[in-house]
Amino acid sequence: MEPWWNKAVQQQAIDRTHRIGQDQKVFAYNMICKDTIEEKIMAIQERKQIISDEVVADDGNFLKSLTAEDITFLFD
């Protein structure tokens, strides 16, 4: 019901519900209420995802534009 700070760990937990031999459908829902800490966690996850995607996908120009704050935020 609540998001985890590390989105990769959250996705891994969801993936574990799909075990080998599973023949029943499995659904994972995120229930996020407005103006809650969970909503803030989701915003942080989205910002980190955008930064990490640009670091991995870019040709290097993006790395030059990263600030110390961006790097600190990404690894916090």
Protein backbone atom coordinates (compact mmCIF):
# COMPACT_ATOMS: atom_id res chain seq x y z
CA MET A 1 0.00 0.00 0.00
CA GLU A 2 2.84 2.40 0.59
CA PRO A 3 5.67 3.15 -1.83
CA TRP A 4 9.25 2.33 -0.97
CA TRP A 5 12.00 4.94 -1.17
CA ASN A 6 13.93 2.78 -3.61
CA LYS A 7 11.78 2.16 -6.66
CA ALA A 8 13.97 -0.75 -7.85
CA VAL A 9 13.33 -2.62 -4.60
CA GLN A 10 9.62 -1.92 -4.91
CA GLN A 11 9.61 -3.26 -8.47
CA GLN A 12 11.54 -6.35 -7.36
CA ALA A 13 8.91 -7.07 -4.71
CA ILE A 14 6.15 -6.77 -7.30
CA ASP A 15 8.07 -9.03 -9.68
CA ARG A 16 8.31 -11.71 -6.96
CA THR A 17 4.53 -12.08 -7.06
CA HIS A 18 4.92 -13.52 -10.56
CA ARG A 19 6.57 -16.81 -9.61
CA ILE A 20 7.44 -19.57 -12.06
CA GLY A 21 4.38 -21.72 -12.49
CA GLN A 22 1.99 -18.97 -11.42
CA ASP A 23 -1.26 -19.54 -13.29
CA GLN A 24 -3.40 -16.93 -11.53
CA LYS A 25 -3.42 -13.29 -12.57
CA VAL A 26 -1.66 -10.96 -10.14
CA PHE A 27 -2.33 -7.24 -9.89
CA ALA A 28 -0.26 -4.66 -8.04
CA TYR A 29 -1.88 -1.31 -7.29
CA ASN A 30 -0.37 1.89 -5.93
CA MET A 31 -2.86 3.69 -3.73
CA ILE A 32 -1.53 7.19 -3.15
CA CYS A 33 -3.59 9.85 -1.37
CA LYS A 34 -3.19 13.51 -2.16
CA ASP A 35 -1.01 15.68 0.13
CA THR A 36 0.60 12.73 1.95
CA ILE A 37 4.17 11.57 2.48
CA GLU A 38 3.50 8.80 -0.03
CA GLU A 39 2.76 11.41 -2.69
CA LYS A 40 6.07 13.11 -1.87
CA ILE A 41 7.89 9.76 -2.12
CA MET A 42 6.40 9.21 -5.58
CA ALA A 43 7.58 12.68 -6.67
CA ILE A 44 11.09 11.91 -5.40
CA GLN A 45 11.08 8.58 -7.25
CA GLU A 46 10.03 10.30 -10.47
CA ARG A 47 12.75 12.97 -10.15
CA LYS A 48 15.43 10.35 -9.46
CA GLN A 49 14.22 8.29 -12.42
CA ILE A 50 14.46 11.26 -14.78
CA ILE A 51 17.98 12.12 -13.61
CA SER A 52 19.21 8.51 -13.81
CA ASP A 53 17.65 8.00 -17.26
CA GLU A 54 19.43 11.09 -18.56
CA VAL A 55 22.75 9.97 -17.05
CA VAL A 56 22.51 6.54 -18.67
CA ALA A 57 21.08 7.61 -22.04
CA ASP A 58 23.00 10.81 -22.73
CA ASP A 59 26.23 11.21 -24.68
CA GLY A 60 28.00 13.07 -21.88
CA ASN A 61 26.69 16.61 -22.24
CA PHE A 62 24.18 15.99 -19.50
CA LEU A 63 26.95 14.95 -17.10
CA LYS A 64 28.55 18.36 -17.54
CA SER A 65 25.31 20.07 -16.54
CA LEU A 66 24.83 18.06 -13.31
CA THR A 67 25.19 20.08 -10.16
CA ALA A 68 26.53 18.79 -6.85
CA GLU A 69 22.96 19.05 -5.55
CA ASP A 70 21.69 16.76 -8.36
CA ILE A 71 24.32 14.13 -7.59
CA THR A 72 23.66 14.30 -3.85
CA PHE A 73 19.90 14.03 -4.45
CA LEU A 74 20.36 11.03 -6.73
CA PHE A 75 22.30 9.05 -4.12
CA ASP A 76 20.31 10.05 -1.02
